[in-house]
Amino acid sequence: MDPRLPLTLLLLAATLLISGCPTTPTVDDEPPSARELDALQQRPLPPSPPPTTQPLQLSPFEDPSSPLYRRIVYFDYDTSEISPQYVDLLRAHAAYLFNDPGARVTLEGHTDERGTRDYNLALGDRRSVAVKRYLVAEGVPSERISTLSYGEERPADPGHGENAWAKNRRVELVY
């Protein structure tokens, strides 16, 4: 055994003890004087915001009670026909687009994974065009609506069964 080893270990332990001991802060045990307390009380307080009496207004796209909150139209297998259950939804969006001249929407068509890539892109396009035709028939200027097809490329549900496929056959209204 090397005779310097115990000395080296002892020096190392001493160094760790010295460097590892934190210094304790000094505490001023003397309470503040009356003058210091008066100075603290005379400082102006920052202005507080006025009380709000109105509730926070949500965007109609963020408010679950608004008809514009829902922005997805689902389709049956291998079709671009709009189901009657989405008529009220599309009418609400048409009214919004008609009444807000600055509003624009992109209709993103999607399909499930069945079928070829080219077929699904075409089907997604037919679905988005069907929604566009409906909105235009309700009075929305066509130049404020754009269409886009993702086909099967952006599934809402990556599963491989009927439940997943039903969620993926859709058109999303993106403002």
Protein backbone atom coordinates (compact mmCIF):
# COMPACT_ATOMS: atom_id res chain seq x y z
CA MET A 1 0.00 0.00 0.00
CA ASP A 2 1.25 3.44 -0.86
CA PRO A 3 2.09 5.43 2.31
CA ARG A 4 0.71 8.64 0.72
CA LEU A 5 -2.78 7.17 0.21
CA PRO A 6 -4.14 7.81 3.76
CA LEU A 7 -2.80 11.37 3.68
CA THR A 8 -4.38 12.00 0.26
CA LEU A 9 -7.73 10.64 1.45
CA LEU A 10 -7.58 12.78 4.58
CA LEU A 11 -6.85 15.93 2.55
CA LEU A 12 -9.66 15.11 0.13
CA ALA A 13 -12.15 14.61 2.97
CA ALA A 14 -11.10 17.89 4.61
CA THR A 15 -11.49 19.75 1.31
CA LEU A 16 -14.98 18.34 0.80
CA LEU A 17 -15.99 19.27 4.34
CA ILE A 18 -14.78 22.83 4.02
CA SER A 19 -16.23 23.46 0.57
CA GLY A 20 -19.53 21.70 1.32
CA CYS A 21 -20.43 23.73 4.41
CA PRO A 22 -22.72 26.60 3.54
CA THR A 23 -22.36 29.85 5.33
CA THR A 24 -25.34 30.90 7.36
CA PRO A 25 -26.67 34.38 6.65
CA THR A 26 -26.65 36.84 9.44
CA VAL A 27 -30.09 37.77 10.71
CA ASP A 28 -30.79 41.28 11.86
CA ASP A 29 -32.66 40.73 15.09
CA GLU A 30 -33.53 44.40 15.44
CA PRO A 31 -37.09 45.28 14.35
CA PRO A 32 -37.59 48.16 11.89
CA SER A 33 -37.77 51.61 13.36
CA ALA A 34 -40.93 53.74 13.35
CA ARG A 35 -39.41 55.91 10.60
CA GLU A 36 -38.82 52.85 8.39
CA LEU A 37 -42.39 51.63 8.96
CA ASP A 38 -43.80 55.08 8.09
CA ALA A 39 -41.74 55.16 4.89
CA LEU A 40 -43.13 51.77 3.87
CA GLN A 41 -46.73 52.91 4.43
CA GLN A 42 -46.32 56.15 2.47
CA ARG A 43 -45.17 54.43 -0.72
CA PRO A 44 -47.94 54.61 -3.34
CA LEU A 45 -49.53 51.30 -4.19
CA PRO A 46 -49.56 50.24 -7.82
CA PRO A 47 -52.91 50.93 -9.45
CA SER A 48 -55.25 47.97 -9.42
CA PRO A 49 -57.14 47.05 -12.55
CA PRO A 50 -60.77 48.13 -12.60
CA PRO A 51 -63.20 45.41 -11.57
CA THR A 52 -64.77 43.59 -14.46
CA THR A 53 -68.48 43.14 -14.38
CA GLN A 54 -68.72 41.36 -17.72
CA PRO A 55 -67.70 37.72 -18.09
CA LEU A 56 -64.79 36.89 -20.34
CA GLN A 57 -66.02 36.72 -23.94
CA LEU A 58 -65.00 33.57 -25.79
CA SER A 59 -64.59 33.41 -29.52
CA PRO A 60 -67.51 31.55 -31.10
CA PHE A 61 -64.94 28.97 -32.24
CA GLU A 62 -63.90 28.35 -28.60
CA ASP A 63 -67.35 28.45 -27.00
CA PRO A 64 -68.90 24.96 -26.84
CA SER A 65 -72.39 26.48 -26.80
CA SER A 66 -71.80 28.21 -30.16
CA PRO A 67 -72.83 26.46 -33.38
CA LEU A 68 -69.44 27.51 -34.82
CA TYR A 69 -67.60 25.45 -32.21
CA ARG A 70 -68.13 22.31 -34.29
CA ARG A 71 -66.06 22.51 -37.46
CA ILE A 72 -65.99 18.94 -38.78
CA VAL A 73 -68.36 17.30 -41.26
CA TYR A 74 -68.13 13.49 -41.36
CA PHE A 75 -68.91 11.34 -44.39
CA ASP A 76 -70.03 7.80 -45.02
CA TYR A 77 -67.72 5.30 -46.69
CA ASP A 78 -66.69 6.12 -50.26
CA THR A 79 -69.03 9.10 -50.68
CA SER A 80 -68.89 12.88 -50.81
CA GLU A 81 -72.59 13.34 -50.09
CA ILE A 82 -73.29 15.61 -47.13
CA SER A 83 -75.44 13.90 -44.53
CA PRO A 84 -78.59 15.82 -43.43
CA GLN A 85 -77.32 15.91 -39.84
CA TYR A 86 -74.71 18.51 -40.90
CA VAL A 87 -77.12 20.96 -42.56
CA ASP A 88 -77.55 23.14 -39.44
CA LEU A 89 -73.81 23.13 -38.80
CA LEU A 90 -73.04 24.27 -42.34
CA ARG A 91 -75.81 26.89 -42.29
CA ALA A 92 -74.31 28.40 -39.12
CA HIS A 93 -70.88 28.58 -40.75
CA ALA A 94 -72.39 30.01 -43.94
CA ALA A 95 -74.15 32.74 -41.93
CA TYR A 96 -70.91 33.59 -40.15
CA LEU A 97 -68.93 33.76 -43.39
CA PHE A 98 -71.67 35.77 -45.10
CA ASN A 99 -71.89 38.33 -42.27
CA ASP A 100 -68.14 38.73 -41.68
CA PRO A 101 -66.56 40.03 -44.90
CA GLY A 102 -63.04 39.48 -43.52
CA ALA A 103 -63.57 35.82 -42.69
CA ARG A 104 -62.01 33.15 -44.89
CA VAL A 105 -62.15 29.39 -44.53
CA THR A 106 -60.15 26.46 -45.87
CA LEU A 107 -62.02 23.20 -46.29
CA GLU A 108 -59.64 20.29 -45.68
CA GLY A 109 -60.87 16.98 -47.11
CA HIS A 110 -59.77 13.69 -45.53
CA THR A 111 -60.40 9.98 -46.10
CA ASP A 112 -59.73 6.74 -44.31
CA GLU A 113 -56.77 4.55 -45.24
CA ARG A 114 -58.66 2.25 -47.61
CA GLY A 115 -58.10 2.86 -51.30
CA THR A 116 -55.08 4.04 -53.26
CA ARG A 117 -53.32 7.30 -52.47
CA ASP A 118 -54.55 8.92 -55.70
CA TYR A 119 -58.12 7.74 -55.17
CA ASN A 120 -58.15 9.05 -51.60
CA LEU A 121 -56.75 12.44 -52.64
CA ALA A 122 -59.52 12.71 -55.25
CA LEU A 123 -62.19 11.64 -52.74
CA GLY A 124 -60.93 14.15 -50.16
CA ASP A 125 -61.13 16.82 -52.86
CA ARG A 126 -64.71 15.83 -53.80
CA ARG A 127 -65.71 16.07 -50.14
CA SER A 128 -64.21 19.52 -49.65
CA VAL A 129 -65.76 20.73 -52.93
CA ALA A 130 -69.17 19.39 -51.82
CA VAL A 131 -68.97 21.46 -48.63
CA LYS A 132 -67.83 24.49 -50.62
CA ARG A 133 -70.79 24.14 -53.01
CA TYR A 134 -73.14 24.01 -50.04
CA LEU A 135 -71.66 27.16 -48.46
CA VAL A 136 -71.77 29.02 -51.79
CA ALA A 137 -75.41 27.97 -52.25
CA GLU A 138 -76.07 29.54 -48.82
CA GLY A 139 -74.65 32.88 -50.07
CA VAL A 140 -70.95 32.77 -49.15
CA PRO A 141 -68.72 34.30 -51.85
CA SER A 142 -66.66 31.48 -53.38
CA GLU A 143 -63.45 33.54 -53.35
CA ARG A 144 -63.45 33.41 -49.53
CA ILE A 145 -63.44 29.59 -49.51
CA SER A 146 -60.47 27.45 -50.45
CA THR A 147 -60.34 23.68 -50.67
CA LEU A 148 -57.57 21.25 -49.95
CA SER A 149 -57.35 17.46 -49.91
CA TYR A 150 -55.08 15.46 -47.64
CA GLY A 151 -56.59 12.12 -48.58
CA GLU A 152 -55.49 9.55 -46.01
CA GLU A 153 -52.31 11.46 -45.04
CA ARG A 154 -53.58 13.14 -41.85
CA PRO A 155 -55.81 10.72 -39.97
CA ALA A 156 -57.70 11.96 -36.93
CA ASP A 157 -57.45 8.43 -35.53
CA PRO A 158 -54.49 6.24 -36.57
CA GLY A 159 -56.42 3.03 -35.84
CA HIS A 160 -57.32 0.41 -38.43
CA GLY A 161 -60.95 -0.39 -37.67
CA GLU A 162 -64.38 1.00 -38.51
CA ASN A 163 -64.40 3.42 -35.55
CA ALA A 164 -61.09 4.96 -36.64
CA TRP A 165 -62.09 5.03 -40.31
CA ALA A 166 -65.35 6.82 -39.48
CA LYS A 167 -63.40 9.59 -37.69
CA ASN A 168 -61.04 9.96 -40.64
CA ARG A 169 -63.71 10.44 -43.33
CA ARG A 170 -64.22 14.16 -42.82
CA VAL A 171 -63.93 17.77 -43.97
CA GLU A 172 -62.50 20.22 -41.44
CA LEU A 173 -63.41 23.91 -41.62
CA VAL A 174 -60.24 25.84 -40.80
CA TYR A 175 -60.57 29.60 -40.28
